[in-house]
Amino acid sequence: MSDEVNAPEILAEMEAVFAEYERALVENDVETLDRLFWASPHTIRYGGGENLYGIEEIRAFRGARSPAGLARRLARTQITTFGRDTAIAATLFYRESAPGKVGRQMQTWRRFPDGWKVVAAHVSVIAQD
């Protein structure tokens, strides 16, 4: 196993799966979002107003969330891969519904036999500088 940082082919894979995640998020494609999260009680998602432990809490949140107002613009997206099986994705996001605010999203991804999965995520919104 290589410890190479940002091997071009692995980075390209991760960029594609991150784009798939983003599309699913703004389109409220719950099935794809569910597939892209590790189906484990160890998965964690800290959100803007919730702390979710385990895939069941994450699924319940996604199922109850309104599909309205999910469009956003990304900025300063940075993906870093470590070897062939681990990656960190970080991005800032802006929503028209939240003027003067900037969202921050950070995800830890891991490759499993059935593909890349988010194993930990943190989403927060702060006042824009």
N, C-alpha and C. Protein backbone atom coordinates (compact mmCIF):
# COMPACT_ATOMS: atom_id res chain seq x y z
N MET A 1 0.84 -1.19 0.00
CA MET A 1 0.00 0.00 0.00
C MET A 1 0.88 1.24 0.00
N SER A 2 0.58 2.14 -0.85
CA SER A 2 1.34 3.37 -0.98
C SER A 2 0.87 4.41 0.03
N ASP A 3 1.81 5.18 0.54
CA ASP A 3 1.47 6.30 1.41
C ASP A 3 1.50 7.62 0.63
N GLU A 4 1.51 7.53 -0.67
CA GLU A 4 1.60 8.71 -1.52
C GLU A 4 0.42 9.64 -1.28
N VAL A 5 0.71 10.92 -1.19
CA VAL A 5 -0.32 11.95 -1.04
C VAL A 5 -0.72 12.42 -2.43
N ASN A 6 -2.03 12.42 -2.67
CA ASN A 6 -2.62 12.89 -3.93
C ASN A 6 -2.08 12.20 -5.18
N ALA A 7 -1.98 10.87 -5.13
CA ALA A 7 -1.68 10.12 -6.35
C ALA A 7 -2.72 10.52 -7.38
N PRO A 8 -2.32 10.90 -8.57
CA PRO A 8 -3.27 11.46 -9.55
C PRO A 8 -4.51 10.61 -9.80
N GLU A 9 -4.36 9.29 -9.93
CA GLU A 9 -5.53 8.46 -10.22
C GLU A 9 -6.48 8.35 -9.02
N ILE A 10 -5.93 8.37 -7.81
CA ILE A 10 -6.77 8.30 -6.61
C ILE A 10 -7.46 9.64 -6.38
N LEU A 11 -6.73 10.72 -6.57
CA LEU A 11 -7.33 12.05 -6.45
C LEU A 11 -8.46 12.22 -7.45
N ALA A 12 -8.28 11.75 -8.69
CA ALA A 12 -9.34 11.84 -9.70
C ALA A 12 -10.58 11.04 -9.27
N GLU A 13 -10.37 9.86 -8.69
CA GLU A 13 -11.50 9.07 -8.17
C GLU A 13 -12.26 9.84 -7.11
N MET A 14 -11.51 10.42 -6.18
CA MET A 14 -12.13 11.12 -5.07
C MET A 14 -12.84 12.38 -5.53
N GLU A 15 -12.27 13.09 -6.49
CA GLU A 15 -12.94 14.27 -7.04
C GLU A 15 -14.27 13.88 -7.68
N ALA A 16 -14.29 12.74 -8.37
CA ALA A 16 -15.53 12.28 -9.01
C ALA A 16 -16.58 11.90 -7.96
N VAL A 17 -16.18 11.19 -6.92
CA VAL A 17 -17.15 10.78 -5.91
C VAL A 17 -17.62 11.99 -5.09
N PHE A 18 -16.74 12.96 -4.87
CA PHE A 18 -17.15 14.19 -4.18
C PHE A 18 -18.18 14.94 -5.02
N ALA A 19 -17.98 15.01 -6.33
CA ALA A 19 -18.95 15.66 -7.23
C ALA A 19 -20.28 14.91 -7.20
N GLU A 20 -20.24 13.59 -7.15
CA GLU A 20 -21.47 12.79 -7.05
C GLU A 20 -22.19 13.11 -5.75
N TYR A 21 -21.45 13.20 -4.66
CA TYR A 21 -22.04 13.55 -3.36
C TYR A 21 -22.69 14.94 -3.43
N GLU A 22 -21.99 15.91 -3.99
CA GLU A 22 -22.52 17.27 -4.05
C GLU A 22 -23.81 17.32 -4.87
N ARG A 23 -23.82 16.63 -6.01
CA ARG A 23 -25.03 16.58 -6.83
C ARG A 23 -26.17 15.98 -6.03
N ALA A 24 -25.92 14.86 -5.37
CA ALA A 24 -26.95 14.20 -4.58
C ALA A 24 -27.45 15.09 -3.45
N LEU A 25 -26.55 15.84 -2.84
CA LEU A 25 -26.93 16.72 -1.74
C LEU A 25 -27.89 17.81 -2.20
N VAL A 26 -27.54 18.53 -3.25
CA VAL A 26 -28.39 19.65 -3.68
C VAL A 26 -29.68 19.17 -4.34
N GLU A 27 -29.70 17.93 -4.84
CA GLU A 27 -30.92 17.37 -5.44
C GLU A 27 -31.72 16.55 -4.43
N ASN A 28 -31.26 16.48 -3.19
CA ASN A 28 -31.88 15.69 -2.13
C ASN A 28 -32.08 14.24 -2.55
N ASP A 29 -31.08 13.69 -3.20
CA ASP A 29 -31.08 12.28 -3.62
C ASP A 29 -30.65 11.44 -2.42
N VAL A 30 -31.60 11.14 -1.57
CA VAL A 30 -31.32 10.47 -0.30
C VAL A 30 -30.72 9.09 -0.52
N GLU A 31 -31.14 8.40 -1.55
CA GLU A 31 -30.61 7.06 -1.83
C GLU A 31 -29.11 7.11 -2.11
N THR A 32 -28.68 8.06 -2.93
CA THR A 32 -27.25 8.20 -3.23
C THR A 32 -26.49 8.66 -1.99
N LEU A 33 -27.03 9.61 -1.27
CA LEU A 33 -26.36 10.07 -0.04
C LEU A 33 -26.18 8.91 0.92
N ASP A 34 -27.19 8.09 1.07
CA ASP A 34 -27.10 6.94 1.95
C ASP A 34 -26.02 5.97 1.48
N ARG A 35 -25.95 5.74 0.19
CA ARG A 35 -24.94 4.84 -0.37
C ARG A 35 -23.52 5.36 -0.14
N LEU A 36 -23.37 6.68 -0.11
CA LEU A 36 -22.04 7.28 0.03
C LEU A 36 -21.59 7.44 1.49
N PHE A 37 -22.45 7.09 2.43
CA PHE A 37 -22.05 7.08 3.85
C PHE A 37 -21.84 5.64 4.29
N TRP A 38 -20.83 5.44 5.11
CA TRP A 38 -20.52 4.12 5.66
C TRP A 38 -21.71 3.66 6.50
N ALA A 39 -22.27 2.52 6.17
CA ALA A 39 -23.42 1.97 6.88
C ALA A 39 -22.93 1.30 8.16
N SER A 40 -22.60 2.11 9.15
CA SER A 40 -22.01 1.61 10.39
C SER A 40 -22.48 2.44 11.58
N PRO A 41 -22.56 1.82 12.74
CA PRO A 41 -22.85 2.59 13.95
C PRO A 41 -21.69 3.50 14.33
N HIS A 42 -20.54 3.35 13.69
CA HIS A 42 -19.36 4.18 13.98
C HIS A 42 -19.31 5.46 13.15
N THR A 43 -20.19 5.60 12.16
CA THR A 43 -20.21 6.79 11.32
C THR A 43 -20.74 7.97 12.13
N ILE A 44 -20.11 9.14 11.95
CA ILE A 44 -20.51 10.34 12.68
C ILE A 44 -20.74 11.48 11.70
N ARG A 45 -21.80 12.25 11.96
CA ARG A 45 -22.05 13.47 11.19
C ARG A 45 -22.48 14.56 12.17
N TYR A 46 -21.61 15.56 12.34
CA TYR A 46 -21.96 16.73 13.12
C TYR A 46 -22.50 17.76 12.14
N GLY A 47 -23.72 18.20 12.35
CA GLY A 47 -24.34 19.16 11.45
C GLY A 47 -24.49 20.52 12.09
N GLY A 48 -25.15 21.40 11.37
CA GLY A 48 -25.35 22.75 11.86
C GLY A 48 -26.19 22.81 13.13
N GLY A 49 -27.06 21.84 13.31
CA GLY A 49 -27.92 21.84 14.49
C GLY A 49 -28.14 20.47 15.08
N GLU A 50 -27.31 19.51 14.68
CA GLU A 50 -27.51 18.14 15.15
C GLU A 50 -26.18 17.41 15.26
N ASN A 51 -26.14 16.47 16.19
CA ASN A 51 -25.00 15.58 16.36
C ASN A 51 -25.51 14.17 16.11
N LEU A 52 -25.07 13.55 15.03
CA LEU A 52 -25.61 12.26 14.62
C LEU A 52 -24.56 11.18 14.76
N TYR A 53 -24.89 10.17 15.52
CA TYR A 53 -23.99 9.05 15.77
C TYR A 53 -24.60 7.79 15.16
N GLY A 54 -23.91 7.24 14.18
CA GLY A 54 -24.36 6.01 13.54
C GLY A 54 -25.22 6.27 12.32
N ILE A 55 -25.19 5.32 11.42
CA ILE A 55 -25.91 5.47 10.15
C ILE A 55 -27.41 5.61 10.35
N GLU A 56 -27.98 4.98 11.37
CA GLU A 56 -29.43 5.07 11.56
C GLU A 56 -29.85 6.50 11.90
N GLU A 57 -29.10 7.20 12.74
CA GLU A 57 -29.42 8.60 13.04
C GLU A 57 -29.23 9.47 11.81
N ILE A 58 -28.20 9.20 11.03
CA ILE A 58 -27.96 9.96 9.81
C ILE A 58 -29.10 9.73 8.81
N ARG A 59 -29.52 8.49 8.65
CA ARG A 59 -30.64 8.19 7.75
C ARG A 59 -31.93 8.88 8.21
N ALA A 60 -32.20 8.86 9.49
CA ALA A 60 -33.40 9.51 10.02
C ALA A 60 -33.37 11.01 9.73
N PHE A 61 -32.22 11.63 9.92
CA PHE A 61 -32.07 13.06 9.64
C PHE A 61 -32.34 13.34 8.16
N ARG A 62 -31.70 12.58 7.28
CA ARG A 62 -31.87 12.80 5.84
C ARG A 62 -33.33 12.60 5.42
N GLY A 63 -33.97 11.60 5.99
CA GLY A 63 -35.36 11.31 5.64
C GLY A 63 -36.32 12.40 6.07
N ALA A 64 -35.99 13.10 7.14
CA ALA A 64 -36.87 14.14 7.68
C ALA A 64 -36.55 15.54 7.15
N ARG A 65 -35.41 15.71 6.52
CA ARG A 65 -34.98 17.04 6.08
C ARG A 65 -35.79 17.53 4.89
N SER A 66 -36.11 18.81 4.92
CA SER A 66 -36.82 19.42 3.80
C SER A 66 -35.91 19.48 2.58
N PRO A 67 -36.45 19.20 1.39
CA PRO A 67 -35.65 19.31 0.17
C PRO A 67 -35.52 20.74 -0.34
N ALA A 68 -36.17 21.68 0.31
CA ALA A 68 -36.14 23.08 -0.15
C ALA A 68 -34.84 23.76 0.30
N GLY A 69 -34.33 24.64 -0.54
CA GLY A 69 -33.20 25.49 -0.17
C GLY A 69 -31.86 24.80 -0.03
N LEU A 70 -31.64 23.71 -0.76
CA LEU A 70 -30.38 22.99 -0.65
C LEU A 70 -29.31 23.46 -1.64
N ALA A 71 -29.70 24.29 -2.61
CA ALA A 71 -28.73 24.79 -3.59
C ALA A 71 -27.65 25.59 -2.87
N ARG A 72 -26.43 25.46 -3.37
CA ARG A 72 -25.33 26.19 -2.75
C ARG A 72 -24.20 26.35 -3.76
N ARG A 73 -23.31 27.28 -3.45
CA ARG A 73 -22.12 27.52 -4.27
C ARG A 73 -20.92 27.12 -3.43
N LEU A 74 -20.04 26.32 -4.02
CA LEU A 74 -18.84 25.89 -3.30
C LEU A 74 -17.66 26.81 -3.58
N ALA A 75 -16.74 26.87 -2.65
CA ALA A 75 -15.51 27.66 -2.82
C ALA A 75 -14.39 26.97 -2.03
N ARG A 76 -13.20 27.10 -2.53
CA ARG A 76 -11.98 26.62 -1.86
C ARG A 76 -12.05 25.13 -1.52
N THR A 77 -12.66 24.36 -2.38
CA THR A 77 -12.73 22.91 -2.16
C THR A 77 -11.33 22.33 -2.25
N GLN A 78 -10.99 21.54 -1.26
CA GLN A 78 -9.69 20.89 -1.24
C GLN A 78 -9.87 19.43 -0.87
N ILE A 79 -9.35 18.56 -1.72
CA ILE A 79 -9.38 17.12 -1.46
C ILE A 79 -7.94 16.66 -1.37
N THR A 80 -7.65 15.90 -0.32
CA THR A 80 -6.31 15.35 -0.14
C THR A 80 -6.47 13.85 0.08
N THR A 81 -5.74 13.07 -0.72
CA THR A 81 -5.79 11.62 -0.55
C THR A 81 -4.49 11.15 0.11
N PHE A 82 -4.62 10.09 0.88
CA PHE A 82 -3.48 9.50 1.59
C PHE A 82 -3.44 8.03 1.21
N GLY A 83 -2.47 7.64 0.42
CA GLY A 83 -2.44 6.28 -0.08
C GLY A 83 -3.60 6.06 -1.03
N ARG A 84 -4.09 4.84 -1.09
CA ARG A 84 -5.15 4.48 -2.02
C ARG A 84 -6.54 4.47 -1.39
N ASP A 85 -6.61 4.57 -0.04
CA ASP A 85 -7.86 4.24 0.62
C ASP A 85 -8.41 5.28 1.59
N THR A 86 -7.74 6.42 1.74
CA THR A 86 -8.20 7.43 2.70
C THR A 86 -8.12 8.81 2.06
N ALA A 87 -9.13 9.64 2.34
CA ALA A 87 -9.14 11.00 1.80
C ALA A 87 -9.87 11.94 2.76
N ILE A 88 -9.49 13.19 2.69
CA ILE A 88 -10.18 14.27 3.40
C ILE A 88 -10.69 15.24 2.35
N ALA A 89 -11.95 15.63 2.48
CA ALA A 89 -12.53 16.63 1.57
C ALA A 89 -13.03 17.79 2.42
N ALA A 90 -12.64 18.99 2.06
CA ALA A 90 -13.06 20.19 2.78
C ALA A 90 -13.52 21.22 1.77
N THR A 91 -14.58 21.93 2.11
CA THR A 91 -15.07 22.98 1.21
C THR A 91 -15.81 24.04 2.02
N LEU A 92 -15.85 25.21 1.46
CA LEU A 92 -16.72 26.27 1.96
C LEU A 92 -17.95 26.29 1.06
N PHE A 93 -19.10 26.70 1.61
CA PHE A 93 -20.29 26.82 0.77
C PHE A 93 -21.11 28.04 1.18
N TYR A 94 -21.83 28.54 0.18
CA TYR A 94 -22.65 29.74 0.35
C TYR A 94 -24.05 29.45 -0.17
N ARG A 95 -25.05 29.92 0.57
CA ARG A 95 -26.44 29.77 0.15
C ARG A 95 -27.09 31.15 0.10
N GLU A 96 -27.89 31.35 -0.95
CA GLU A 96 -28.60 32.63 -1.07
C GLU A 96 -29.51 32.86 0.11
N SER A 97 -29.99 31.79 0.71
CA SER A 97 -30.91 31.89 1.85
C SER A 97 -30.19 32.29 3.14
N ALA A 98 -28.85 32.37 3.11
CA ALA A 98 -28.08 32.71 4.31
C ALA A 98 -27.06 33.79 3.98
N PRO A 99 -27.51 34.99 3.62
CA PRO A 99 -26.55 36.05 3.30
C PRO A 99 -25.69 36.40 4.51
N GLY A 100 -24.42 36.68 4.25
CA GLY A 100 -23.50 37.04 5.32
C GLY A 100 -22.96 35.85 6.09
N LYS A 101 -23.30 34.64 5.64
CA LYS A 101 -22.84 33.42 6.31
C LYS A 101 -22.01 32.58 5.35
N VAL A 102 -21.08 31.82 5.91
CA VAL A 102 -20.30 30.87 5.13
C VAL A 102 -20.40 29.51 5.82
N GLY A 103 -20.71 28.50 5.03
CA GLY A 103 -20.75 27.14 5.56
C GLY A 103 -19.40 26.47 5.39
N ARG A 104 -19.11 25.55 6.30
CA ARG A 104 -17.86 24.79 6.23
C ARG A 104 -18.23 23.32 6.31
N GLN A 105 -17.66 22.55 5.41
CA GLN A 105 -17.92 21.11 5.38
C GLN A 105 -16.60 20.36 5.32
N MET A 106 -16.45 19.39 6.19
CA MET A 106 -15.24 18.57 6.18
C MET A 106 -15.67 17.12 6.31
N GLN A 107 -15.10 16.28 5.46
CA GLN A 107 -15.45 14.86 5.45
C GLN A 107 -14.18 14.00 5.42
N THR A 108 -14.23 12.91 6.15
CA THR A 108 -13.21 11.88 6.05
C THR A 108 -13.83 10.74 5.24
N TRP A 109 -13.15 10.35 4.17
CA TRP A 109 -13.61 9.29 3.27
C TRP A 109 -12.67 8.10 3.40
N ARG A 110 -13.24 6.91 3.25
CA ARG A 110 -12.46 5.68 3.27
C ARG A 110 -12.96 4.77 2.14
N ARG A 111 -12.01 4.11 1.48
CA ARG A 111 -12.40 3.17 0.42
C ARG A 111 -12.74 1.82 1.06
N PHE A 112 -13.89 1.29 0.71
CA PHE A 112 -14.33 -0.04 1.13
C PHE A 112 -14.47 -0.90 -0.12
N PRO A 113 -14.68 -2.20 0.03
CA PRO A 113 -14.84 -3.05 -1.16
C PRO A 113 -15.94 -2.57 -2.12
N ASP A 114 -16.98 -1.91 -1.58
CA ASP A 114 -18.06 -1.42 -2.44
C ASP A 114 -17.93 0.08 -2.77
N GLY A 115 -16.76 0.66 -2.55
CA GLY A 115 -16.52 2.04 -2.98
C GLY A 115 -16.18 2.98 -1.84
N TRP A 116 -16.00 4.25 -2.20
CA TRP A 116 -15.66 5.30 -1.24
C TRP A 116 -16.88 5.64 -0.39
N LYS A 117 -16.65 5.84 0.92
CA LYS A 117 -17.73 6.16 1.86
C LYS A 117 -17.27 7.24 2.82
N VAL A 118 -18.18 8.14 3.19
CA VAL A 118 -17.92 9.10 4.25
C VAL A 118 -18.00 8.35 5.58
N VAL A 119 -16.95 8.46 6.38
CA VAL A 119 -16.96 7.82 7.70
C VAL A 119 -17.13 8.84 8.81
N ALA A 120 -16.84 10.11 8.54
CA ALA A 120 -17.04 11.19 9.50
C ALA A 120 -17.23 12.48 8.73
N ALA A 121 -18.15 13.31 9.22
CA ALA A 121 -18.43 14.58 8.55
C ALA A 121 -18.75 15.65 9.59
N HIS A 122 -18.40 16.87 9.25
CA HIS A 122 -18.70 18.02 10.10
C HIS A 122 -19.17 19.15 9.20
N VAL A 123 -20.32 19.70 9.52
CA VAL A 123 -20.88 20.83 8.77
C VAL A 123 -21.22 21.93 9.77
N SER A 124 -20.77 23.14 9.49
CA SER A 124 -21.11 24.27 10.36
C SER A 124 -21.22 25.53 9.52
N VAL A 125 -21.90 26.52 10.08
CA VAL A 125 -22.08 27.80 9.41
C VAL A 125 -21.66 28.89 10.38
N ILE A 126 -20.88 29.84 9.87
CA ILE A 126 -20.42 30.96 10.69
C ILE A 126 -20.65 32.26 9.92
N ALA A 127 -20.48 33.37 10.63
CA ALA A 127 -20.56 34.68 9.97
C ALA A 127 -19.40 34.81 8.98
N GLN A 128 -19.70 35.37 7.83
CA GLN A 128 -18.68 35.56 6.79
C GLN A 128 -17.81 36.74 7.16
N ASP A 129 -16.51 36.60 6.99
CA ASP A 129 -15.57 37.69 7.28
C ASP A 129 -15.72 38.81 6.30
